Amino acid sequence: MARKDIPGQASLVFDVALLDLHNPKDGISIENKVVPENCERRSQSGDFLRYHYNGTLLDGTFFDSSYSRNRTFDTYIGQGYVIAGMDEGLLGVCIGEKRRIVVPPHLGYGEEGRGNIPGSAVLVFDIHVIDFHNPSDSISITSHYKPPDCSVLSKKGDYLKYHYNASLLDGTLLDSTWNLGKTYNIVLGSGQVVLGMDMGLREMCVGEKRTVIIPPHLGYGEAGVDGEVPGSAVLVFDIELLELVAGLPEGYMFIWNGEVSPNLFEEIDKDGDGEVLLEEFSEYIHAQVASGKGKLAPGFDAEMIVKNMFTNQDRNGDGKVTAEEFKLKDQEAKHDEL
C-alpha cells in the first residue's frame, strides 16, 4: 500500500550514503602499522596489557579515545574482560606495536550498540601497545658488564650504593640518580626498595652494570605512584653498583671482630658501680667500632642500634643494666644484643 505522500505508480530516487557493511561470517581484520624490529615476546591469553587506542566507526566518526583521558586502557586479554573482537585482536602483539583492529558488530557491541556507538556498527581501533606482563612473570636480569674481579657478590644485609636510570618499557624516563648527582643507598633485604629491585640487586659485584625489568606485582602494583609511576607499569632499571659494605650475619646488628673480653661488663662499667647506663654503654660500643674490635650493621642509624642493644640488656626496664641482666647473644639466643 502506497504512503499518502507518495503518488501511486511513482518512480522513487534514493540518495544513499553507505556507512559500513559486514557479513555475519566476518572475523576481525588486523592491519599492522608499526612492528618493532626487536620483538622478543608476543602477548598471549592471560597477559595483562596497557595500551592506548582511538576508536572510530568505519566512516571515521570518533567515539572514544584513551589519549583524551591521558591514561592507558589496562586489561587482561583472552579472558573476556573486553569485547570479543578486541580480546582476539590484542593477542600476538609486541611491546611498542601499533596496529589497526576492525571489529564486526557480532564481535563488538552487537545490534544494540553502547553509548554513542550505534547498533550493528563496525568498529575501528587504532592501538599502541605500551607494555604487557603475565602475573607469573618474575624479574628479568641482563648483565652488561662485570669487572675482572667479580668474586664478592651482594647478599642480604649488605649496604649498597648504586646509580640507576628508571624508565618504562616504551623508554619514558621516570627517574635517574645520575641526573640528581648522588647515589641511592640501601640495606639489601631490609624492605627499603620494591621487592623486584631488591631481587635485582642480589649477587651483584662492585662495578657491575645490569638491566633489571620488574613486572608490576614486584614493583608498584596496580596503584603505581601518583604522578610518578603509572599503575600496573612494567619498570626498567639500568643499574651500576658503586660500593658494597658487607653486612652482618642475619639476626645480628653488632658483632665482635675477635675474642670477646671475659670481663666485658666490668670494662663497660667504667665507674665500677655495678650498673651501666645508656651513656656508658654507647660510649663503649662506639669505641670498639672505632678501634675495629666491633662492627655495627651498615646502613642503619648507629645510635638507634646501640639504644636497641641497651634496651634488650635492660630486662627490667629501669634504665640501667646490672651484671645479672647482662648477657651475650649466644647466651640468650632470643635477643639481638652483643
C-alpha atoms as a PDB file:
ATOM      1  CA  MET A   1       0.000   0.000   0.000  1.00  0.00           C
ATOM      2  CA  ALA A   2       1.410   3.378  -1.019  1.00  0.00           C
ATOM      3  CA  ARG A   3       2.127   6.087   1.542  1.00  0.00           C
ATOM      4  CA  LYS A   4      -0.193   9.094   1.386  1.00  0.00           C
ATOM      5  CA  ASP A   5       2.675  11.424   0.472  1.00  0.00           C
ATOM      6  CA  ILE A   6       3.932   9.172  -2.373  1.00  0.00           C
ATOM      7  CA  PRO A   7       1.744   9.084  -5.517  1.00  0.00           C
ATOM      8  CA  GLY A   8       0.784   5.712  -6.890  1.00  0.00           C
ATOM      9  CA  GLN A   9       2.972   4.336  -9.658  1.00  0.00           C
ATOM     10  CA  ALA A  10       5.675   6.915  -8.828  1.00  0.00           C
ATOM     11  CA  SER A  11       9.328   6.282  -9.604  1.00  0.00           C
ATOM     12  CA  LEU A  12      11.477   6.915  -6.497  1.00  0.00           C
ATOM     13  CA  VAL A  13      15.006   8.242  -6.233  1.00  0.00           C
ATOM     14  CA  PHE A  14      17.155   7.482  -3.126  1.00  0.00           C
ATOM     15  CA  ASP A  15      20.480   9.187  -2.352  1.00  0.00           C
ATOM     16  CA  VAL A  16      22.348   6.705  -0.166  1.00  0.00           C
ATOM     17  CA  ALA A  17      25.473   7.137   1.977  1.00  0.00           C
ATOM     18  CA  LEU A  18      26.865   3.739   2.881  1.00  0.00           C
ATOM     19  CA  LEU A  19      28.218   3.949   6.449  1.00  0.00           C
ATOM     20  CA  ASP A  20      29.512   0.406   6.749  1.00  0.00           C
ATOM     21  CA  LEU A  21      28.698  -3.171   5.932  1.00  0.00           C
ATOM     22  CA  HIS A  22      29.595  -6.557   7.263  1.00  0.00           C
ATOM     23  CA  ASN A  23      28.774 -10.204   6.914  1.00  0.00           C
ATOM     24  CA  PRO A  24      27.755 -12.298   9.913  1.00  0.00           C
ATOM     25  CA  LYS A  25      30.575 -14.646   8.951  1.00  0.00           C
ATOM     26  CA  ASP A  26      33.205 -11.885   9.190  1.00  0.00           C
ATOM     27  CA  GLY A  27      36.004 -12.137  11.717  1.00  0.00           C
ATOM     28  CA  ILE A  28      38.183  -9.266  12.836  1.00  0.00           C
ATOM     29  CA  SER A  29      40.758  -7.812  10.468  1.00  0.00           C
ATOM     30  CA  ILE A  30      44.181  -6.661  11.601  1.00  0.00           C
ATOM     31  CA  GLU A  31      46.471  -4.196   9.866  1.00  0.00           C
ATOM     32  CA  ASN A  32      49.943  -3.869  11.350  1.00  0.00           C
ATOM     33  CA  LYS A  33      51.050  -0.241  11.296  1.00  0.00           C
ATOM     34  CA  VAL A  34      54.308  -0.377  13.261  1.00  0.00           C
ATOM     35  CA  VAL A  35      56.021  -3.563  14.435  1.00  0.00           C
ATOM     36  CA  PRO A  36      59.270  -3.115  16.399  1.00  0.00           C
ATOM     37  CA  GLU A  37      62.290  -4.850  14.871  1.00  0.00           C
ATOM     38  CA  ASN A  38      63.206  -6.316  18.242  1.00  0.00           C
ATOM     39  CA  CYS A  39      60.159  -8.256  19.383  1.00  0.00           C
ATOM     40  CA  GLU A  40      61.341 -10.838  21.883  1.00  0.00           C
ATOM     41  CA  ARG A  41      57.883 -11.634  23.189  1.00  0.00           C
ATOM     42  CA  ARG A  42      54.308 -11.503  21.907  1.00  0.00           C
ATOM     43  CA  SER A  43      51.194 -11.248  24.025  1.00  0.00           C
ATOM     44  CA  GLN A  44      49.280 -14.396  24.945  1.00  0.00           C
ATOM     45  CA  SER A  45      45.989 -15.192  26.627  1.00  0.00           C
ATOM     46  CA  GLY A  46      46.233 -14.335  30.317  1.00  0.00           C
ATOM     47  CA  ASP A  47      48.675 -11.460  29.834  1.00  0.00           C
ATOM     48  CA  PHE A  48      47.886  -8.026  31.233  1.00  0.00           C
ATOM     49  CA  LEU A  49      48.191  -5.223  28.639  1.00  0.00           C
ATOM     50  CA  ARG A  50      48.487  -1.463  28.915  1.00  0.00           C
ATOM     51  CA  TYR A  51      47.648   0.225  25.624  1.00  0.00           C
ATOM     52  CA  HIS A  52      46.352   3.430  24.089  1.00  0.00           C
ATOM     53  CA  TYR A  53      43.618   3.479  21.458  1.00  0.00           C
ATOM     54  CA  ASN A  54      41.480   5.673  19.241  1.00  0.00           C
ATOM     55  CA  GLY A  55      38.045   4.230  18.464  1.00  0.00           C
ATOM     56  CA  THR A  56      36.093   5.247  15.339  1.00  0.00           C
ATOM     57  CA  LEU A  57      33.366   3.970  13.073  1.00  0.00           C
ATOM     58  CA  LEU A  58      34.197   2.882   9.528  1.00  0.00           C
ATOM     59  CA  ASP A  59      33.266   6.330   8.184  1.00  0.00           C
ATOM     60  CA  GLY A  60      35.783   7.942  10.564  1.00  0.00           C
ATOM     61  CA  THR A  61      33.273   9.092  13.180  1.00  0.00           C
ATOM     62  CA  PHE A  62      35.085   9.270  16.525  1.00  0.00           C
ATOM     63  CA  PHE A  63      33.532   7.578  19.548  1.00  0.00           C
ATOM     64  CA  ASP A  64      36.287   7.113  22.168  1.00  0.00           C
ATOM     65  CA  SER A  65      39.991   7.533  22.931  1.00  0.00           C
ATOM     66  CA  SER A  66      42.274   6.639  25.820  1.00  0.00           C
ATOM     67  CA  TYR A  67      44.525   9.520  24.755  1.00  0.00           C
ATOM     68  CA  SER A  68      41.777  12.009  25.632  1.00  0.00           C
ATOM     69  CA  ARG A  69      41.770  10.625  29.183  1.00  0.00           C
ATOM     70  CA  ASN A  70      45.579  10.803  29.317  1.00  0.00           C
ATOM     71  CA  ARG A  71      45.862   7.246  30.611  1.00  0.00           C
ATOM     72  CA  THR A  72      46.209   3.819  29.100  1.00  0.00           C
ATOM     73  CA  PHE A  73      43.470   1.223  28.960  1.00  0.00           C
ATOM     74  CA  ASP A  74      44.613  -1.704  31.091  1.00  0.00           C
ATOM     75  CA  THR A  75      43.166  -5.199  30.851  1.00  0.00           C
ATOM     76  CA  TYR A  76      43.781  -8.915  30.830  1.00  0.00           C
ATOM     77  CA  ILE A  77      43.389 -10.390  27.365  1.00  0.00           C
ATOM     78  CA  GLY A  78      41.894 -13.637  26.128  1.00  0.00           C
ATOM     79  CA  GLN A  79      39.676 -13.902  29.186  1.00  0.00           C
ATOM     80  CA  GLY A  80      36.546 -11.958  28.254  1.00  0.00           C
ATOM     81  CA  TYR A  81      37.271  -8.662  30.004  1.00  0.00           C
ATOM     82  CA  VAL A  82      36.841  -6.713  26.736  1.00  0.00           C
ATOM     83  CA  ILE A  83      34.653  -7.228  23.667  1.00  0.00           C
ATOM     84  CA  ALA A  84      35.420 -10.457  21.798  1.00  0.00           C
ATOM     85  CA  GLY A  85      36.952  -8.688  18.807  1.00  0.00           C
ATOM     86  CA  MET A  86      39.463  -6.781  20.930  1.00  0.00           C
ATOM     87  CA  ASP A  87      40.163  -9.853  23.052  1.00  0.00           C
ATOM     88  CA  GLU A  88      41.276 -11.570  19.858  1.00  0.00           C
ATOM     89  CA  GLY A  89      42.915  -8.550  18.243  1.00  0.00           C
ATOM     90  CA  LEU A  90      45.237  -7.911  21.189  1.00  0.00           C
ATOM     91  CA  LEU A  91      46.758 -11.380  21.028  1.00  0.00           C
ATOM     92  CA  GLY A  92      50.192 -11.694  19.442  1.00  0.00           C
ATOM     93  CA  VAL A  93      51.209  -8.042  19.796  1.00  0.00           C
ATOM     94  CA  CYS A  94      54.704  -6.758  20.619  1.00  0.00           C
ATOM     95  CA  ILE A  95      55.562  -4.054  23.121  1.00  0.00           C
ATOM     96  CA  GLY A  96      55.574  -0.798  21.175  1.00  0.00           C
ATOM     97  CA  GLU A  97      53.495  -2.210  18.315  1.00  0.00           C
ATOM     98  CA  LYS A  98      50.820  -0.148  16.598  1.00  0.00           C
ATOM     99  CA  ARG A  99      48.021  -1.921  14.785  1.00  0.00           C
ATOM    100  CA  ARG A 100      44.521  -1.316  13.452  1.00  0.00           C
ATOM    101  CA  ILE A 101      41.815  -3.757  14.518  1.00  0.00           C
ATOM    102  CA  VAL A 102      38.485  -3.746  12.638  1.00  0.00           C
ATOM    103  CA  VAL A 103      35.710  -5.415  14.630  1.00  0.00           C
ATOM    104  CA  PRO A 104      32.369  -6.503  13.122  1.00  0.00           C
ATOM    105  CA  PRO A 105      29.322  -5.863  15.340  1.00  0.00           C
ATOM    106  CA  HIS A 106      28.778  -9.500  16.353  1.00  0.00           C
ATOM    107  CA  LEU A 107      32.273  -9.369  17.900  1.00  0.00           C
ATOM    108  CA  GLY A 108      31.719  -5.848  19.210  1.00  0.00           C
ATOM    109  CA  TYR A 109      28.631  -4.254  20.732  1.00  0.00           C
ATOM    110  CA  GLY A 110      26.064  -6.133  18.619  1.00  0.00           C
ATOM    111  CA  GLU A 111      22.694  -4.907  17.401  1.00  0.00           C
ATOM    112  CA  GLU A 112      22.085  -2.747  20.465  1.00  0.00           C
ATOM    113  CA  GLY A 113      25.294  -0.726  20.386  1.00  0.00           C
ATOM    114  CA  ARG A 114      26.512   1.079  23.500  1.00  0.00           C
ATOM    115  CA  GLY A 115      26.570   4.750  24.492  1.00  0.00           C
ATOM    116  CA  ASN A 116      27.478   6.746  21.378  1.00  0.00           C
ATOM    117  CA  ILE A 117      28.187   3.565  19.380  1.00  0.00           C
ATOM    118  CA  PRO A 118      25.254   2.797  17.035  1.00  0.00           C
ATOM    119  CA  GLY A 119      23.718  -0.659  16.909  1.00  0.00           C
ATOM    120  CA  SER A 120      25.272  -3.067  14.372  1.00  0.00           C
ATOM    121  CA  ALA A 121      28.236  -0.738  13.827  1.00  0.00           C
ATOM    122  CA  VAL A 122      31.617  -1.923  12.551  1.00  0.00           C
ATOM    123  CA  LEU A 123      34.326  -0.553  14.876  1.00  0.00           C
ATOM    124  CA  VAL A 124      37.885   0.527  14.121  1.00  0.00           C
ATOM    125  CA  PHE A 125      40.509   0.606  16.886  1.00  0.00           C
ATOM    126  CA  ASP A 126      43.945   2.096  16.306  1.00  0.00           C
ATOM    127  CA  ILE A 127      46.026   0.813  19.205  1.00  0.00           C
ATOM    128  CA  HIS A 128      49.526   1.400  20.578  1.00  0.00           C
ATOM    129  CA  VAL A 129      50.820  -1.255  22.982  1.00  0.00           C
ATOM    130  CA  ILE A 130      52.738   0.351  25.854  1.00  0.00           C
ATOM    131  CA  ASP A 131      53.669  -2.803  27.759  1.00  0.00           C
ATOM    132  CA  PHE A 132      52.363  -6.146  28.948  1.00  0.00           C
ATOM    133  CA  HIS A 133      53.231  -8.783  31.501  1.00  0.00           C
ATOM    134  CA  ASN A 134      51.930 -12.019  32.905  1.00  0.00           C
ATOM    135  CA  PRO A 135      51.106 -12.455  36.602  1.00  0.00           C
ATOM    136  CA  SER A 136      53.509 -15.410  36.651  1.00  0.00           C
ATOM    137  CA  ASP A 137      56.446 -13.265  35.466  1.00  0.00           C
ATOM    138  CA  SER A 138      59.465 -12.784  37.685  1.00  0.00           C
ATOM    139  CA  ILE A 139      62.150 -10.145  37.201  1.00  0.00           C
ATOM    140  CA  SER A 140      64.499 -10.271  34.225  1.00  0.00           C
ATOM    141  CA  ILE A 141      68.216  -9.528  34.691  1.00  0.00           C
ATOM    142  CA  THR A 142      70.665  -8.760  31.882  1.00  0.00           C
ATOM    143  CA  SER A 143      74.270  -8.123  32.918  1.00  0.00           C
ATOM    144  CA  HIS A 144      76.084  -5.752  30.535  1.00  0.00           C
ATOM    145  CA  TYR A 145      79.453  -5.529  32.265  1.00  0.00           C
ATOM    146  CA  LYS A 146      81.320  -7.324  35.048  1.00  0.00           C
ATOM    147  CA  PRO A 147      84.789  -6.265  36.239  1.00  0.00           C
ATOM    148  CA  PRO A 148      87.620  -8.827  36.021  1.00  0.00           C
ATOM    149  CA  ASP A 149      87.390  -9.411  39.777  1.00  0.00           C
ATOM    150  CA  CYS A 150      83.738 -10.144  40.476  1.00  0.00           C
ATOM    151  CA  SER A 151      84.139 -12.516  43.394  1.00  0.00           C
ATOM    152  CA  VAL A 152      82.434 -10.528  46.174  1.00  0.00           C
ATOM    153  CA  LEU A 153      78.701 -10.625  45.483  1.00  0.00           C
ATOM    154  CA  SER A 154      75.931  -8.684  47.195  1.00  0.00           C
ATOM    155  CA  LYS A 155      73.707 -10.503  49.671  1.00  0.00           C
ATOM    156  CA  LYS A 156      71.009  -9.791  52.218  1.00  0.00           C
ATOM    157  CA  GLY A 157      72.204  -7.345  54.857  1.00  0.00           C
ATOM    158  CA  ASP A 158      74.867  -5.686  52.691  1.00  0.00           C
ATOM    159  CA  TYR A 159      74.892  -1.915  52.405  1.00  0.00           C
ATOM    160  CA  LEU A 160      74.854  -0.870  48.725  1.00  0.00           C
ATOM    161  CA  LYS A 161      75.455   2.405  46.913  1.00  0.00           C
ATOM    162  CA  TYR A 162      74.365   2.413  43.283  1.00  0.00           C
ATOM    163  CA  HIS A 163      73.258   4.573  40.390  1.00  0.00           C
ATOM    164  CA  TYR A 164      70.175   3.878  38.298  1.00  0.00           C
ATOM    165  CA  ASN A 165      68.013   5.102  35.460  1.00  0.00           C
ATOM    166  CA  ALA A 166      64.356   4.098  35.833  1.00  0.00           C
ATOM    167  CA  SER A 167      62.110   4.016  32.773  1.00  0.00           C
ATOM    168  CA  LEU A 168      59.018   2.392  31.319  1.00  0.00           C
ATOM    169  CA  LEU A 169      59.258  -0.269  28.626  1.00  0.00           C
ATOM    170  CA  ASP A 170      58.482   2.353  25.961  1.00  0.00           C
ATOM    171  CA  GLY A 171      61.577   4.304  27.041  1.00  0.00           C
ATOM    172  CA  THR A 172      59.819   7.003  29.083  1.00  0.00           C
ATOM    173  CA  LEU A 173      62.301   8.139  31.753  1.00  0.00           C
ATOM    174  CA  LEU A 174      60.871   8.145  35.277  1.00  0.00           C
ATOM    175  CA  ASP A 175      63.857   8.892  37.477  1.00  0.00           C
ATOM    176  CA  SER A 176      67.656   8.957  37.466  1.00  0.00           C
ATOM    177  CA  THR A 177      70.210   9.176  40.242  1.00  0.00           C
ATOM    178  CA  TRP A 178      72.790  10.250  37.676  1.00  0.00           C
ATOM    179  CA  ASN A 179      70.684  13.332  36.952  1.00  0.00           C
ATOM    180  CA  LEU A 180      70.453  14.036  40.687  1.00  0.00           C
ATOM    181  CA  GLY A 181      74.200  13.623  41.096  1.00  0.00           C
ATOM    182  CA  LYS A 182      74.024  11.243  44.065  1.00  0.00           C
ATOM    183  CA  THR A 183      73.787   7.501  44.604  1.00  0.00           C
ATOM    184  CA  TYR A 184      70.850   5.580  46.003  1.00  0.00           C
ATOM    185  CA  ASN A 185      71.834   3.787  49.205  1.00  0.00           C
ATOM    186  CA  ILE A 186      70.045   0.810  50.766  1.00  0.00           C
ATOM    187  CA  VAL A 187      70.497  -2.197  53.008  1.00  0.00           C
ATOM    188  CA  LEU A 188      69.688  -5.204  50.853  1.00  0.00           C
ATOM    189  CA  GLY A 189      66.782  -7.276  52.124  1.00  0.00           C
ATOM    190  CA  SER A 190      65.539  -4.639  54.562  1.00  0.00           C
ATOM    191  CA  GLY A 191      62.434  -3.587  52.597  1.00  0.00           C
ATOM    192  CA  GLN A 192      63.835  -0.195  51.576  1.00  0.00           C
ATOM    193  CA  VAL A 193      63.043  -0.760  47.876  1.00  0.00           C
ATOM    194  CA  VAL A 194      60.334  -2.650  45.975  1.00  0.00           C
ATOM    195  CA  LEU A 195      60.731  -6.416  46.032  1.00  0.00           C
ATOM    196  CA  GLY A 196      61.741  -6.673  42.370  1.00  0.00           C
ATOM    197  CA  MET A 197      64.556  -4.172  42.870  1.00  0.00           C
ATOM    198  CA  ASP A 198      65.734  -5.999  45.985  1.00  0.00           C
ATOM    199  CA  MET A 199      65.853  -9.227  43.961  1.00  0.00           C
ATOM    200  CA  GLY A 200      67.609  -7.493  41.057  1.00  0.00           C
ATOM    201  CA  LEU A 201      70.427  -6.198  43.263  1.00  0.00           C
ATOM    202  CA  ARG A 202      71.350  -9.625  44.631  1.00  0.00           C
ATOM    203  CA  GLU A 203      74.574 -11.410  43.642  1.00  0.00           C
ATOM    204  CA  MET A 204      75.992  -8.252  42.054  1.00  0.00           C
ATOM    205  CA  CYS A 205      79.610  -7.131  42.345  1.00  0.00           C
ATOM    206  CA  VAL A 206      81.018  -3.616  42.598  1.00  0.00           C
ATOM    207  CA  GLY A 207      81.448  -2.143  39.119  1.00  0.00           C
ATOM    208  CA  GLU A 208      78.862  -4.407  37.534  1.00  0.00           C
ATOM    209  CA  LYS A 209      76.252  -2.906  35.224  1.00  0.00           C
ATOM    210  CA  ARG A 210      72.938  -4.622  34.622  1.00  0.00           C
ATOM    211  CA  THR A 211      69.383  -4.042  33.451  1.00  0.00           C
ATOM    212  CA  VAL A 212      66.548  -5.271  35.657  1.00  0.00           C
ATOM    213  CA  ILE A 213      62.996  -5.488  34.285  1.00  0.00           C
ATOM    214  CA  ILE A 214      60.365  -5.598  37.030  1.00  0.00           C
ATOM    215  CA  PRO A 215      56.710  -6.621  36.493  1.00  0.00           C
ATOM    216  CA  PRO A 216      54.189  -4.528  38.455  1.00  0.00           C
ATOM    217  CA  HIS A 217      53.373  -7.204  41.043  1.00  0.00           C
ATOM    218  CA  LEU A 218      57.035  -6.990  42.100  1.00  0.00           C
ATOM    219  CA  GLY A 219      57.110  -3.214  41.634  1.00  0.00           C
ATOM    220  CA  TYR A 220      54.488  -0.579  42.426  1.00  0.00           C
ATOM    221  CA  GLY A 221      51.445  -2.710  41.644  1.00  0.00           C
ATOM    222  CA  GLU A 222      48.115  -1.613  40.228  1.00  0.00           C
ATOM    223  CA  ALA A 223      48.196   1.705  42.097  1.00  0.00           C
ATOM    224  CA  GLY A 224      51.609   2.878  40.883  1.00  0.00           C
ATOM    225  CA  VAL A 225      52.947   6.089  42.414  1.00  0.00           C
ATOM    226  CA  ASP A 226      50.697   9.103  41.905  1.00  0.00           C
ATOM    227  CA  GLY A 227      52.235  11.493  39.381  1.00  0.00           C
ATOM    228  CA  GLU A 228      55.384   9.370  39.014  1.00  0.00           C
ATOM    229  CA  VAL A 229      54.762   5.716  38.090  1.00  0.00           C
ATOM    230  CA  PRO A 230      51.637   4.601  36.176  1.00  0.00           C
ATOM    231  CA  GLY A 231      49.568   1.828  37.686  1.00  0.00           C
ATOM    232  CA  SER A 232      50.399  -1.718  36.507  1.00  0.00           C
ATOM    233  CA  ALA A 233      53.527  -0.474  34.733  1.00  0.00           C
ATOM    234  CA  VAL A 234      56.486  -2.719  33.908  1.00  0.00           C
ATOM    235  CA  LEU A 235      59.662  -0.940  35.059  1.00  0.00           C
ATOM    236  CA  VAL A 236      63.176  -0.965  33.614  1.00  0.00           C
ATOM    237  CA  PHE A 237      66.164  -0.149  35.835  1.00  0.00           C
ATOM    238  CA  ASP A 238      69.653   0.333  34.404  1.00  0.00           C
ATOM    239  CA  ILE A 239      71.932  -0.115  37.413  1.00  0.00           C
ATOM    240  CA  GLU A 240      75.606   0.345  38.233  1.00  0.00           C
ATOM    241  CA  LEU A 241      76.812  -0.848  41.649  1.00  0.00           C
ATOM    242  CA  LEU A 242      79.443   1.527  43.024  1.00  0.00           C
ATOM    243  CA  GLU A 243      80.038   0.401  46.604  1.00  0.00           C
ATOM    244  CA  LEU A 244      79.314  -2.620  48.786  1.00  0.00           C
ATOM    245  CA  VAL A 245      79.799  -2.758  52.542  1.00  0.00           C
ATOM    246  CA  ALA A 246      79.399  -6.305  53.822  1.00  0.00           C
ATOM    247  CA  GLY A 247      76.532  -6.752  56.238  1.00  0.00           C
ATOM    248  CA  LEU A 248      76.413  -8.810  59.393  1.00  0.00           C
ATOM    249  CA  PRO A 249      75.090 -12.355  59.807  1.00  0.00           C
ATOM    250  CA  GLU A 250      71.299 -12.483  59.749  1.00  0.00           C
ATOM    251  CA  GLY A 251      69.810 -11.547  63.106  1.00  0.00           C
ATOM    252  CA  TYR A 252      72.814  -9.504  64.259  1.00  0.00           C
ATOM    253  CA  MET A 253      73.126  -5.720  64.461  1.00  0.00           C
ATOM    254  CA  PHE A 254      76.538  -5.805  66.148  1.00  0.00           C
ATOM    255  CA  ILE A 255      79.389  -8.329  66.082  1.00  0.00           C
ATOM    256  CA  TRP A 256      82.846  -8.646  67.600  1.00  0.00           C
ATOM    257  CA  ASN A 257      85.841  -8.874  65.291  1.00  0.00           C
ATOM    258  CA  GLY A 258      87.753 -11.228  67.539  1.00  0.00           C
ATOM    259  CA  GLU A 259      87.592 -12.697  71.009  1.00  0.00           C
ATOM    260  CA  VAL A 260      85.201 -11.144  73.479  1.00  0.00           C
ATOM    261  CA  SER A 261      86.737  -9.997  76.757  1.00  0.00           C
ATOM    262  CA  PRO A 262      85.820 -12.286  79.675  1.00  0.00           C
ATOM    263  CA  ASN A 263      85.432  -9.122  81.776  1.00  0.00           C
ATOM    264  CA  LEU A 264      83.172  -7.336  79.316  1.00  0.00           C
ATOM    265  CA  PHE A 265      80.663  -5.991  81.822  1.00  0.00           C
ATOM    266  CA  GLU A 266      83.425  -4.611  84.038  1.00  0.00           C
ATOM    267  CA  GLU A 267      85.044  -2.885  81.033  1.00  0.00           C
ATOM    268  CA  ILE A 268      81.745  -1.192  80.139  1.00  0.00           C
ATOM    269  CA  ASP A 269      81.058  -0.244  83.771  1.00  0.00           C
ATOM    270  CA  LYS A 270      83.918   2.249  83.957  1.00  0.00           C
ATOM    271  CA  ASP A 271      82.908   3.796  87.294  1.00  0.00           C
ATOM    272  CA  GLY A 272      82.601   0.362  88.879  1.00  0.00           C
ATOM    273  CA  ASP A 273      79.225   0.988  90.498  1.00  0.00           C
ATOM    274  CA  GLY A 274      77.764  -2.298  89.224  1.00  0.00           C
ATOM    275  CA  GLU A 275      75.337  -0.503  86.906  1.00  0.00           C
ATOM    276  CA  VAL A 276      75.689   0.518  83.262  1.00  0.00           C
ATOM    277  CA  LEU A 277      73.738   3.483  81.936  1.00  0.00           C
ATOM    278  CA  LEU A 278      72.966   4.130  78.284  1.00  0.00           C
ATOM    279  CA  GLU A 279      75.699   6.778  78.029  1.00  0.00           C
ATOM    280  CA  GLU A 280      78.349   4.347  79.306  1.00  0.00           C
ATOM    281  CA  PHE A 281      77.086   1.579  77.061  1.00  0.00           C
ATOM    282  CA  SER A 282      77.008   3.803  73.965  1.00  0.00           C
ATOM    283  CA  GLU A 283      80.477   5.222  74.594  1.00  0.00           C
ATOM    284  CA  TYR A 284      81.958   1.729  74.950  1.00  0.00           C
ATOM    285  CA  ILE A 285      80.306   0.269  71.829  1.00  0.00           C
ATOM    286  CA  HIS A 286      81.355   3.224  69.653  1.00  0.00           C
ATOM    287  CA  ALA A 287      84.899   2.928  70.973  1.00  0.00           C
ATOM    288  CA  GLN A 288      85.010  -0.742  69.951  1.00  0.00           C
ATOM    289  CA  VAL A 289      83.732   0.118  66.476  1.00  0.00           C
ATOM    290  CA  ALA A 290      86.276   2.930  66.086  1.00  0.00           C
ATOM    291  CA  SER A 291      89.139   0.609  67.071  1.00  0.00           C
ATOM    292  CA  GLY A 292      87.979  -2.130  64.693  1.00  0.00           C
ATOM    293  CA  LYS A 293      87.184  -4.566  67.509  1.00  0.00           C
ATOM    294  CA  GLY A 294      83.451  -4.425  66.819  1.00  0.00           C
ATOM    295  CA  LYS A 295      81.156  -3.731  63.880  1.00  0.00           C
ATOM    296  CA  LEU A 296      77.649  -2.280  63.655  1.00  0.00           C
ATOM    297  CA  ALA A 297      75.288  -3.293  60.871  1.00  0.00           C
ATOM    298  CA  PRO A 298      75.957  -0.875  57.972  1.00  0.00           C
ATOM    299  CA  GLY A 299      73.297   1.404  56.569  1.00  0.00           C
ATOM    300  CA  PHE A 300      71.280   1.840  59.753  1.00  0.00           C
ATOM    301  CA  ASP A 301      71.190   4.582  62.379  1.00  0.00           C
ATOM    302  CA  ALA A 302      74.096   3.671  64.680  1.00  0.00           C
ATOM    303  CA  GLU A 303      72.604   5.422  67.703  1.00  0.00           C
ATOM    304  CA  MET A 304      69.322   3.585  67.232  1.00  0.00           C
ATOM    305  CA  ILE A 305      71.124   0.231  67.044  1.00  0.00           C
ATOM    306  CA  VAL A 306      73.044   0.948  70.247  1.00  0.00           C
ATOM    307  CA  LYS A 307      69.900   2.105  72.014  1.00  0.00           C
ATOM    308  CA  ASN A 308      68.078  -1.074  70.981  1.00  0.00           C
ATOM    309  CA  MET A 309      71.018  -3.169  72.186  1.00  0.00           C
ATOM    310  CA  PHE A 310      70.900  -1.408  75.538  1.00  0.00           C
ATOM    311  CA  THR A 311      67.118  -1.834  75.809  1.00  0.00           C
ATOM    312  CA  ASN A 312      67.472  -5.561  75.162  1.00  0.00           C
ATOM    313  CA  GLN A 313      70.004  -5.790  78.018  1.00  0.00           C
ATOM    314  CA  ASP A 314      67.883  -3.668  80.343  1.00  0.00           C
ATOM    315  CA  ARG A 315      65.495  -6.511  81.044  1.00  0.00           C
ATOM    316  CA  ASN A 316      63.535  -4.894  83.840  1.00  0.00           C
ATOM    317  CA  GLY A 317      63.283  -1.561  82.013  1.00  0.00           C
ATOM    318  CA  ASP A 318      64.700   0.579  84.826  1.00  0.00           C
ATOM    319  CA  GLY A 319      67.165   2.465  82.596  1.00  0.00           C
ATOM    320  CA  LYS A 320      70.273   0.621  83.764  1.00  0.00           C
ATOM    321  CA  VAL A 321      71.917  -2.749  83.180  1.00  0.00           C
ATOM    322  CA  THR A 322      73.310  -4.875  86.008  1.00  0.00           C
ATOM    323  CA  ALA A 323      75.750  -7.766  85.788  1.00  0.00           C
ATOM    324  CA  GLU A 324      72.856 -10.155  86.415  1.00  0.00           C
ATOM    325  CA  GLU A 325      70.921  -8.774  83.432  1.00  0.00           C
ATOM    326  CA  PHE A 326      73.903  -8.610  81.089  1.00  0.00           C
ATOM    327  CA  LYS A 327      74.175 -11.478  78.575  1.00  0.00           C
ATOM    328  CA  LEU A 328      75.818 -12.025  75.184  1.00  0.00           C
ATOM    329  CA  LYS A 329      73.701 -13.068  72.234  1.00  0.00           C
ATOM    330  CA  ASP A 330      74.911 -16.663  72.267  1.00  0.00           C
ATOM    331  CA  GLN A 331      73.986 -16.851  75.929  1.00  0.00           C
ATOM    332  CA  GLU A 332      70.369 -15.967  75.185  1.00  0.00           C
ATOM    333  CA  ALA A 333      69.505 -16.529  71.538  1.00  0.00           C
ATOM    334  CA  LYS A 334      66.128 -14.842  71.631  1.00  0.00           C
ATOM    335  CA  HIS A 335      67.729 -11.377  71.959  1.00  0.00           C
ATOM    336  CA  ASP A 336      69.744  -9.454  69.356  1.00  0.00           C
ATOM    337  CA  GLU A 337      72.265  -7.921  71.724  1.00  0.00           C
ATOM    338  CA  LEU A 338      76.002  -8.408  71.781  1.00  0.00           C
END
